[in-house]
Structures are given as C-alpha cells and as structure tokens.
PDB file of N, CA and C in Angstrom:
ATOM      1  N   UNK A   1     -14.730   8.474  -6.113  1.00  0.00           N
ATOM      2  CA  UNK A   1     -13.829   8.287  -4.982  1.00  0.00           C
ATOM      3  C   UNK A   1     -12.806   7.230  -5.364  1.00  0.00           C
ATOM      4  N   UNK A   2     -11.563   7.412  -4.946  1.00  0.00           N
ATOM      5  CA  UNK A   2     -10.520   6.455  -5.282  1.00  0.00           C
ATOM      6  C   UNK A   2      -9.798   6.026  -4.021  1.00  0.00           C
ATOM      7  N   UNK A   3      -9.073   4.925  -4.137  1.00  0.00           N
ATOM      8  CA  UNK A   3      -8.287   4.452  -2.999  1.00  0.00           C
ATOM      9  C   UNK A   3      -7.266   5.522  -2.637  1.00  0.00           C
ATOM     10  N   UNK A   4      -6.909   5.571  -1.401  1.00  0.00           N
ATOM     11  CA  UNK A   4      -6.019   6.596  -0.890  1.00  0.00           C
ATOM     12  C   UNK A   4      -4.571   6.214  -1.180  1.00  0.00           C
ATOM     13  N   UNK A   5      -3.935   6.904  -2.110  1.00  0.00           N
ATOM     14  CA  UNK A   5      -2.537   6.638  -2.435  1.00  0.00           C
ATOM     15  C   UNK A   5      -1.781   7.947  -2.438  1.00  0.00           C
ATOM     16  N   UNK A   6      -0.568   7.906  -1.960  1.00  0.00           N
ATOM     17  CA  UNK A   6       0.242   9.105  -1.945  1.00  0.00           C
ATOM     18  C   UNK A   6       1.703   8.748  -1.726  1.00  0.00           C
ATOM     19  N   UNK A   7       2.556   9.655  -2.082  1.00  0.00           N
ATOM     20  CA  UNK A   7       3.980   9.484  -1.845  1.00  0.00           C
ATOM     21  C   UNK A   7       4.294  10.162  -0.518  1.00  0.00           C
ATOM     22  N   UNK A   8       4.946   9.448   0.361  1.00  0.00           N
ATOM     23  CA  UNK A   8       5.196   9.925   1.713  1.00  0.00           C
ATOM     24  C   UNK A   8       6.703   9.960   1.950  1.00  0.00           C
ATOM     25  N   UNK A   9       7.180  10.939   2.673  1.00  0.00           N
ATOM     26  CA  UNK A   9       8.611  10.965   3.001  1.00  0.00           C
ATOM     27  C   UNK A   9       9.023   9.721   3.776  1.00  0.00           C
ATOM     28  N   UNK A  10      10.284   9.336   3.702  1.00  0.00           N
ATOM     29  CA  UNK A  10      10.759   8.138   4.394  1.00  0.00           C
ATOM     30  C   UNK A  10      10.395   8.154   5.876  1.00  0.00           C
ATOM     31  N   UNK A  11       9.970   6.987   6.350  1.00  0.00           N
ATOM     32  CA  UNK A  11       9.687   6.825   7.765  1.00  0.00           C
ATOM     33  C   UNK A  11       8.317   7.277   8.207  1.00  0.00           C
ATOM     34  N   UNK A  12       7.521   7.882   7.336  1.00  0.00           N
ATOM     35  CA  UNK A  12       6.203   8.368   7.711  1.00  0.00           C
ATOM     36  C   UNK A  12       5.147   7.419   7.166  1.00  0.00           C
ATOM     37  N   UNK A  13       4.328   6.876   8.026  1.00  0.00           N
ATOM     38  CA  UNK A  13       3.246   5.997   7.601  1.00  0.00           C
ATOM     39  C   UNK A  13       1.925   6.690   7.829  1.00  0.00           C
ATOM     40  N   UNK A  14       0.948   6.355   7.014  1.00  0.00           N
ATOM     41  CA  UNK A  14      -0.349   6.998   7.111  1.00  0.00           C
ATOM     42  C   UNK A  14      -1.356   6.092   7.795  1.00  0.00           C
ATOM     43  N   UNK A  15      -2.490   6.642   8.124  1.00  0.00           N
ATOM     44  CA  UNK A  15      -3.543   5.855   8.728  1.00  0.00           C
ATOM     45  C   UNK A  15      -4.895   6.164   8.142  1.00  0.00           C
ATOM     46  N   UNK A  16      -4.951   6.944   7.068  1.00  0.00           N
ATOM     47  CA  UNK A  16      -6.237   7.276   6.485  1.00  0.00           C
ATOM     48  C   UNK A  16      -6.810   6.085   5.744  1.00  0.00           C
ATOM     49  N   UNK A  17      -8.141   6.009   5.717  1.00  0.00           N
ATOM     50  CA  UNK A  17      -8.810   4.885   5.086  1.00  0.00           C
ATOM     51  C   UNK A  17      -9.600   5.356   3.870  1.00  0.00           C
ATOM     52  N   UNK A  18      -9.839   4.412   2.972  1.00  0.00           N
ATOM     53  CA  UNK A  18     -10.664   4.697   1.801  1.00  0.00           C
ATOM     54  C   UNK A  18     -11.702   3.602   1.660  1.00  0.00           C
ATOM     55  N   UNK A  19     -12.594   3.754   0.699  1.00  0.00           N
ATOM     56  CA  UNK A  19     -13.679   2.806   0.600  1.00  0.00           C
ATOM     57  C   UNK A  19     -13.771   2.004  -0.670  1.00  0.00           C
ATOM     58  N   UNK A  20     -12.767   2.008  -1.535  1.00  0.00           N
ATOM     59  CA  UNK A  20     -12.883   1.278  -2.788  1.00  0.00           C
ATOM     60  C   UNK A  20     -12.050   0.016  -2.795  1.00  0.00           C
ATOM     61  N   UNK A  21     -12.488  -0.965  -3.552  1.00  0.00           N
ATOM     62  CA  UNK A  21     -11.810  -2.245  -3.755  1.00  0.00           C
ATOM     63  C   UNK A  21     -11.396  -2.847  -2.424  1.00  0.00           C
ATOM     64  N   UNK A  22     -10.427  -3.733  -2.451  1.00  0.00           N
ATOM     65  CA  UNK A  22      -9.947  -4.337  -1.221  1.00  0.00           C
ATOM     66  C   UNK A  22      -8.817  -3.547  -0.611  1.00  0.00           C
ATOM     67  N   UNK A  23      -8.413  -2.457  -1.266  1.00  0.00           N
ATOM     68  CA  UNK A  23      -7.291  -1.665  -0.792  1.00  0.00           C
ATOM     69  C   UNK A  23      -7.807  -0.507   0.050  1.00  0.00           C
ATOM     70  N   UNK A  24      -7.291  -0.413   1.264  1.00  0.00           N
ATOM     71  CA  UNK A  24      -7.678   0.669   2.159  1.00  0.00           C
ATOM     72  C   UNK A  24      -6.718   1.846   2.043  1.00  0.00           C
ATOM     73  N   UNK A  25      -5.434   1.560   1.882  1.00  0.00           N
ATOM     74  CA  UNK A  25      -4.433   2.619   1.902  1.00  0.00           C
ATOM     75  C   UNK A  25      -3.184   2.145   1.158  1.00  0.00           C
ATOM     76  N   UNK A  26      -2.469   3.074   0.546  1.00  0.00           N
ATOM     77  CA  UNK A  26      -1.210   2.750  -0.120  1.00  0.00           C
ATOM     78  C   UNK A  26      -0.242   3.896   0.093  1.00  0.00           C
ATOM     79  N   UNK A  27       0.989   3.551   0.425  1.00  0.00           N
ATOM     80  CA  UNK A  27       2.028   4.538   0.669  1.00  0.00           C
ATOM     81  C   UNK A  27       3.269   4.126  -0.116  1.00  0.00           C
ATOM     82  N   UNK A  28       3.873   5.077  -0.809  1.00  0.00           N
ATOM     83  CA  UNK A  28       5.102   4.803  -1.548  1.00  0.00           C
ATOM     84  C   UNK A  28       6.260   5.500  -0.852  1.00  0.00           C
ATOM     85  N   UNK A  29       7.321   4.746  -0.583  1.00  0.00           N
ATOM     86  CA  UNK A  29       8.536   5.282   0.035  1.00  0.00           C
ATOM     87  C   UNK A  29       9.624   5.307  -1.037  1.00  0.00           C
ATOM     88  N   UNK A  30       9.826   6.458  -1.692  1.00  0.00           N
ATOM     89  CA  UNK A  30      10.731   6.508  -2.849  1.00  0.00           C
ATOM     90  C   UNK A  30      12.183   6.171  -2.536  1.00  0.00           C
ATOM     91  N   UNK A  31      12.674   6.531  -1.348  1.00  0.00           N
ATOM     92  CA  UNK A  31      14.072   6.230  -1.038  1.00  0.00           C
ATOM     93  C   UNK A  31      14.316   4.736  -0.905  1.00  0.00           C
ATOM     94  N   UNK A  32      13.276   3.976  -0.593  1.00  0.00           N
ATOM     95  CA  UNK A  32      13.384   2.513  -0.486  1.00  0.00           C
ATOM     96  C   UNK A  32      12.838   1.795  -1.716  1.00  0.00           C
ATOM     97  N   UNK A  33      12.152   2.548  -2.584  1.00  0.00           N
ATOM     98  CA  UNK A  33      11.429   1.943  -3.721  1.00  0.00           C
ATOM     99  C   UNK A  33      10.462   0.883  -3.201  1.00  0.00           C
ATOM    100  N   UNK A  34       9.724   1.241  -2.156  1.00  0.00           N
ATOM    101  CA  UNK A  34       8.830   0.301  -1.481  1.00  0.00           C
ATOM    102  C   UNK A  34       7.407   0.829  -1.523  1.00  0.00           C
ATOM    103  N   UNK A  35       6.494  -0.035  -1.922  1.00  0.00           N
ATOM    104  CA  UNK A  35       5.075   0.281  -1.929  1.00  0.00           C
ATOM    105  C   UNK A  35       4.428  -0.498  -0.796  1.00  0.00           C
ATOM    106  N   UNK A  36       3.843   0.219   0.140  1.00  0.00           N
ATOM    107  CA  UNK A  36       3.166  -0.411   1.272  1.00  0.00           C
ATOM    108  C   UNK A  36       1.671  -0.308   1.036  1.00  0.00           C
ATOM    109  N   UNK A  37       1.018  -1.457   1.059  1.00  0.00           N
ATOM    110  CA  UNK A  37      -0.422  -1.506   0.811  1.00  0.00           C
ATOM    111  C   UNK A  37      -1.113  -2.122   2.008  1.00  0.00           C
ATOM    112  N   UNK A  38      -2.146  -1.438   2.486  1.00  0.00           N
ATOM    113  CA  UNK A  38      -2.989  -1.963   3.556  1.00  0.00           C
ATOM    114  C   UNK A  38      -4.337  -2.304   2.946  1.00  0.00           C
ATOM    115  N   UNK A  39      -4.780  -3.518   3.208  1.00  0.00           N
ATOM    116  CA  UNK A  39      -6.059  -3.982   2.686  1.00  0.00           C
ATOM    117  C   UNK A  39      -7.159  -3.740   3.713  1.00  0.00           C
ATOM    118  N   UNK A  40      -8.393  -3.792   3.258  1.00  0.00           N
ATOM    119  CA  UNK A  40      -9.525  -3.578   4.152  1.00  0.00           C
ATOM    120  C   UNK A  40      -9.538  -4.556   5.318  1.00  0.00           C
ATOM    121  N   UNK A  41      -8.943  -5.699   5.143  1.00  0.00           N
ATOM    122  CA  UNK A  41      -8.877  -6.690   6.218  1.00  0.00           C
ATOM    123  C   UNK A  41      -7.987  -6.212   7.364  1.00  0.00           C
ATOM    124  N   UNK A  42      -7.172  -5.188   7.093  1.00  0.00           N
ATOM    125  CA  UNK A  42      -6.236  -4.689   8.079  1.00  0.00           C
ATOM    126  C   UNK A  42      -4.826  -5.211   7.878  1.00  0.00           C
ATOM    127  N   UNK A  43      -4.667  -6.228   7.052  1.00  0.00           N
ATOM    128  CA  UNK A  43      -3.329  -6.763   6.776  1.00  0.00           C
ATOM    129  C   UNK A  43      -2.599  -5.802   5.838  1.00  0.00           C
ATOM    130  N   UNK A  44      -1.305  -5.619   6.113  1.00  0.00           N
ATOM    131  CA  UNK A  44      -0.500  -4.687   5.327  1.00  0.00           C
ATOM    132  C   UNK A  44       0.754  -5.398   4.835  1.00  0.00           C
ATOM    133  N   UNK A  45       1.149  -5.066   3.609  1.00  0.00           N
ATOM    134  CA  UNK A  45       2.286  -5.695   2.973  1.00  0.00           C
ATOM    135  C   UNK A  45       3.184  -4.631   2.358  1.00  0.00           C
ATOM    136  N   UNK A  46       4.488  -4.886   2.353  1.00  0.00           N
ATOM    137  CA  UNK A  46       5.465  -4.014   1.712  1.00  0.00           C
ATOM    138  C   UNK A  46       6.003  -4.735   0.486  1.00  0.00           C
ATOM    139  N   UNK A  47       5.922  -4.085  -0.670  1.00  0.00           N
ATOM    140  CA  UNK A  47       6.394  -4.636  -1.939  1.00  0.00           C
ATOM    141  C   UNK A  47       7.704  -3.948  -2.299  1.00  0.00           C
ATOM    142  N   UNK A  48       8.761  -4.749  -2.513  1.00  0.00           N
ATOM    143  CA  UNK A  48      10.120  -4.236  -2.702  1.00  0.00           C
ATOM    144  C   UNK A  48      10.432  -3.938  -4.158  1.00  0.00           C
ATOM    145  N   UNK A  49      11.325  -2.977  -4.351  1.00  0.00           N
ATOM    146  CA  UNK A  49      11.868  -2.613  -5.664  1.00  0.00           C
ATOM    147  C   UNK A  49      10.781  -2.223  -6.666  1.00  0.00           C
ATOM    148  N   UNK A  50       9.780  -1.518  -6.191  1.00  0.00           N
ATOM    149  CA  UNK A  50       8.714  -1.022  -7.063  1.00  0.00           C
ATOM    150  C   UNK A  50       9.200   0.306  -7.664  1.00  0.00           C
ATOM    151  N   UNK A  51       9.303   0.376  -8.985  1.00  0.00           N
ATOM    152  CA  UNK A  51       9.771   1.620  -9.608  1.00  0.00           C
ATOM    153  C   UNK A  51       8.762   2.756  -9.418  1.00  0.00           C
ATOM    154  N   UNK A  52       9.277   3.959  -9.405  1.00  0.00           N
ATOM    155  CA  UNK A  52       8.417   5.144  -9.301  1.00  0.00           C
ATOM    156  C   UNK A  52       7.357   5.128 -10.400  1.00  0.00           C
ATOM    157  N   UNK A  53       7.741   4.711 -11.607  1.00  0.00           N
ATOM    158  CA  UNK A  53       6.785   4.687 -12.720  1.00  0.00           C
ATOM    159  C   UNK A  53       5.625   3.726 -12.455  1.00  0.00           C
ATOM    160  N   UNK A  54       5.883   2.618 -11.771  1.00  0.00           N
ATOM    161  CA  UNK A  54       4.822   1.665 -11.427  1.00  0.00           C
ATOM    162  C   UNK A  54       3.887   2.287 -10.396  1.00  0.00           C
ATOM    163  N   UNK A  55       4.468   2.965  -9.413  1.00  0.00           N
ATOM    164  CA  UNK A  55       3.643   3.652  -8.418  1.00  0.00           C
ATOM    165  C   UNK A  55       2.794   4.732  -9.082  1.00  0.00           C
ATOM    166  N   UNK A  56       3.385   5.493  -9.999  1.00  0.00           N
ATOM    167  CA  UNK A  56       2.642   6.544 -10.692  1.00  0.00           C
ATOM    168  C   UNK A  56       1.463   5.962 -11.468  1.00  0.00           C
ATOM    169  N   UNK A  57       1.681   4.822 -12.140  1.00  0.00           N
ATOM    170  CA  UNK A  57       0.609   4.164 -12.884  1.00  0.00           C
ATOM    171  C   UNK A  57      -0.464   3.638 -11.925  1.00  0.00           C
ATOM    172  N   UNK A  58      -0.056   3.090 -10.791  1.00  0.00           N
ATOM    173  CA  UNK A  58      -1.002   2.618  -9.769  1.00  0.00           C
ATOM    174  C   UNK A  58      -1.856   3.781  -9.285  1.00  0.00           C
ATOM    175  N   UNK A  59      -1.200   4.887  -8.975  1.00  0.00           N
ATOM    176  CA  UNK A  59      -1.904   6.064  -8.467  1.00  0.00           C
ATOM    177  C   UNK A  59      -2.903   6.612  -9.495  1.00  0.00           C
ATOM    178  N   UNK A  60      -2.543   6.556 -10.769  1.00  0.00           N
ATOM    179  CA  UNK A  60      -3.398   7.094 -11.830  1.00  0.00           C
ATOM    180  C   UNK A  60      -4.517   6.136 -12.237  1.00  0.00           C
ATOM    181  N   UNK A  61      -4.420   4.896 -11.856  1.00  0.00           N
ATOM    182  CA  UNK A  61      -5.403   3.896 -12.273  1.00  0.00           C
ATOM    183  C   UNK A  61      -6.774   4.163 -11.657  1.00  0.00           C
ATOM    184  N   UNK A  62      -7.834   4.039 -12.463  1.00  0.00           N
ATOM    185  CA  UNK A  62      -9.181   4.233 -11.909  1.00  0.00           C
ATOM    186  C   UNK A  62      -9.604   3.090 -10.984  1.00  0.00           C
ATOM    187  N   UNK A  63      -8.956   1.925 -11.108  1.00  0.00           N
ATOM    188  CA  UNK A  63      -9.255   0.797 -10.234  1.00  0.00           C
ATOM    189  C   UNK A  63      -7.961   0.297  -9.608  1.00  0.00           C
ATOM    190  N   UNK A  64      -7.722   0.733  -8.372  1.00  0.00           N
ATOM    191  CA  UNK A  64      -6.492   0.349  -7.683  1.00  0.00           C
ATOM    192  C   UNK A  64      -6.414  -1.164  -7.475  1.00  0.00           C
ATOM    193  N   UNK A  65      -7.536  -1.780  -7.139  1.00  0.00           N
ATOM    194  CA  UNK A  65      -7.555  -3.224  -6.919  1.00  0.00           C
ATOM    195  C   UNK A  65      -7.218  -3.999  -8.180  1.00  0.00           C
ATOM    196  N   UNK A  66      -7.807  -3.606  -9.309  1.00  0.00           N
ATOM    197  CA  UNK A  66      -7.530  -4.288 -10.575  1.00  0.00           C
ATOM    198  C   UNK A  66      -6.074  -4.083 -10.976  1.00  0.00           C
ATOM    199  N   UNK A  67      -5.580  -2.861 -10.841  1.00  0.00           N
ATOM    200  CA  UNK A  67      -4.181  -2.599 -11.182  1.00  0.00           C
ATOM    201  C   UNK A  67      -3.260  -3.438 -10.305  1.00  0.00           C
ATOM    202  N   UNK A  68      -3.538  -3.481  -9.016  1.00  0.00           N
ATOM    203  CA  UNK A  68      -2.725  -4.276  -8.099  1.00  0.00           C
ATOM    204  C   UNK A  68      -2.692  -5.737  -8.542  1.00  0.00           C
ATOM    205  N   UNK A  69      -3.852  -6.297  -8.848  1.00  0.00           N
ATOM    206  CA  UNK A  69      -3.919  -7.713  -9.236  1.00  0.00           C
ATOM    207  C   UNK A  69      -3.177  -8.006 -10.534  1.00  0.00           C
ATOM    208  N   UNK A  70      -3.195  -7.080 -11.462  1.00  0.00           N
ATOM    209  CA  UNK A  70      -2.566  -7.295 -12.760  1.00  0.00           C
ATOM    210  C   UNK A  70      -1.072  -6.979 -12.747  1.00  0.00           C
ATOM    211  N   UNK A  71      -0.695  -5.869 -12.120  1.00  0.00           N
ATOM    212  CA  UNK A  71       0.664  -5.361 -12.286  1.00  0.00           C
ATOM    213  C   UNK A  71       1.581  -5.514 -11.071  1.00  0.00           C
ATOM    214  N   UNK A  72       1.035  -5.750  -9.895  1.00  0.00           N
ATOM    215  CA  UNK A  72       1.886  -5.802  -8.697  1.00  0.00           C
ATOM    216  C   UNK A  72       1.891  -7.180  -8.057  1.00  0.00           C
ATOM    217  N   UNK A  73       0.722  -7.730  -7.784  1.00  0.00           N
ATOM    218  CA  UNK A  73       0.643  -9.039  -7.123  1.00  0.00           C
ATOM    219  C   UNK A  73       1.408 -10.087  -7.927  1.00  0.00           C
ATOM    220  N   UNK A  74       2.287 -10.793  -7.255  1.00  0.00           N
ATOM    221  CA  UNK A  74       3.046 -11.860  -7.898  1.00  0.00           C
ATOM    222  C   UNK A  74       4.234 -11.396  -8.720  1.00  0.00           C
ATOM    223  N   UNK A  75       4.463 -10.090  -8.803  1.00  0.00           N
ATOM    224  CA  UNK A  75       5.566  -9.576  -9.618  1.00  0.00           C
ATOM    225  C   UNK A  75       6.691  -8.962  -8.793  1.00  0.00           C
ATOM    226  N   UNK A  76       6.412  -8.670  -7.529  1.00  0.00           N
ATOM    227  CA  UNK A  76       7.409  -8.050  -6.663  1.00  0.00           C
ATOM    228  C   UNK A  76       7.521  -8.858  -5.376  1.00  0.00           C
ATOM    229  N   UNK A  77       8.741  -8.940  -4.857  1.00  0.00           N
ATOM    230  CA  UNK A  77       8.915  -9.590  -3.561  1.00  0.00           C
ATOM    231  C   UNK A  77       8.209  -8.744  -2.510  1.00  0.00           C
ATOM    232  N   UNK A  78       7.671  -9.422  -1.494  1.00  0.00           N
ATOM    233  CA  UNK A  78       6.925  -8.696  -0.480  1.00  0.00           C
ATOM    234  C   UNK A  78       7.075  -9.387   0.865  1.00  0.00           C
ATOM    235  N   UNK A  79       6.726  -8.650   1.884  1.00  0.00           N
ATOM    236  CA  UNK A  79       6.618  -9.231   3.218  1.00  0.00           C
ATOM    237  C   UNK A  79       5.473  -8.535   3.938  1.00  0.00           C
ATOM    238  N   UNK A  80       4.901  -9.245   4.888  1.00  0.00           N
ATOM    239  CA  UNK A  80       3.796  -8.673   5.650  1.00  0.00           C
ATOM    240  C   UNK A  80       4.365  -7.756   6.724  1.00  0.00           C
ATOM    241  N   UNK A  81       3.736  -6.611   6.870  1.00  0.00           N
ATOM    242  CA  UNK A  81       4.141  -5.671   7.902  1.00  0.00           C
ATOM    243  C   UNK A  81       3.502  -6.073   9.223  1.00  0.00           C
ATOM    244  N   UNK A  82       4.199  -5.855  10.301  1.00  0.00           N
ATOM    245  CA  UNK A  82       3.687  -6.208  11.628  1.00  0.00           C
ATOM    246  C   UNK A  82       2.439  -5.401  11.943  1.00  0.00           C
ATOM    247  N   UNK A  83       1.502  -6.032  12.562  1.00  0.00           N
ATOM    248  CA  UNK A  83       0.288  -5.353  13.009  1.00  0.00           C
ATOM    249  C   UNK A  83       0.592  -4.615  14.295  1.00  0.00           C
ATOM    250  N   UNK A  84       0.072  -3.406  14.437  1.00  0.00           N
ATOM    251  CA  UNK A  84       0.294  -2.707  15.705  1.00  0.00           C
ATOM    252  C   UNK A  84      -0.379  -3.477  16.843  1.00  0.00           C
ATOM    253  N   UNK A  85       0.293  -3.543  17.957  1.00  0.00           N
ATOM    254  CA  UNK A  85      -0.251  -4.258  19.107  1.00  0.00           C
ATOM    255  C   UNK A  85      -1.232  -3.367  19.861  1.00  0.00           C
ATOM    256  N   UNK A  86      -2.390  -3.920  20.151  1.00  0.00           N
ATOM    257  CA  UNK A  86      -3.375  -3.189  20.944  1.00  0.00           C
ATOM    258  C   UNK A  86      -3.032  -3.373  22.417  1.00  0.00           C
ATOM    259  N   UNK A  87      -3.238  -2.336  23.218  1.00  0.00           N
ATOM    260  CA  UNK A  87      -2.948  -2.497  24.639  1.00  0.00           C
ATOM    261  C   UNK A  87      -3.883  -3.530  25.272  1.00  0.00           C
ATOM    262  N   UNK A  88      -3.334  -4.310  26.151  1.00  0.00           N
ATOM    263  CA  UNK A  88      -4.147  -5.305  26.856  1.00  0.00           C
ATOM    264  C   UNK A  88      -4.670  -4.705  28.129  1.00  0.00           C
ATOM    265  N   UNK A  89      -5.868  -5.106  28.498  1.00  0.00           N
ATOM    266  CA  UNK A  89      -6.462  -4.615  29.728  1.00  0.00           C
ATOM    267  C   UNK A  89      -6.310  -5.679  30.799  1.00  0.00           C
ATOM    268  N   UNK A  90      -5.932  -5.257  31.973  1.00  0.00           N
ATOM    269  CA  UNK A  90      -5.729  -6.189  33.081  1.00  0.00           C
ATOM    270  C   UNK A  90      -6.828  -6.056  34.094  1.00  0.00           C
TER     271      UNK A  90
END
C-alpha cells in the first residue's frame, strides 16, 4: 500500500486517506506547479514551484515520507492551507 498521490485538474481537491508514513494525501496541480500535502495530523501545506518531474519522482517513490523529507521539505516555499471550518452547534 502506498500514500495516495495523484495529479488533479486545477481547483479540484481530494479527501481520500491513506495509511503510510505521516502523509495522508498528496495532490499535484500542474497549472500552478503546486504540490499540496495533507499529513495524518490533518494539517495541509501547499509547496510552490514544484516541477512535474519532482512530483513524478515523489509519486514513484516507495516511501513518500522519506522522499518528502529528503527532496521536498526545506527546498520549496510553502504555506499552510486553511483548515475547513466545522459547523458549530448552538
């Protein structure tokens, strides 16, 4: 079983979960060159200017977490994505 990674058309985000490493989900937006990674903690980050070739190597890697730590973390500018707001009960 591998972490869930796929190339998604612009504007479409996924919600599927996986069970390996600290990565729950990864989505690549080719028109933005943006890799969005959601961790098991629920926190999600968007990494800017990620080349298609880097995403392809990430997707092919047998260990998404190890690849992320070696090749992505600290090498690309990123920002945290907003968490969806849960409805409040009154």
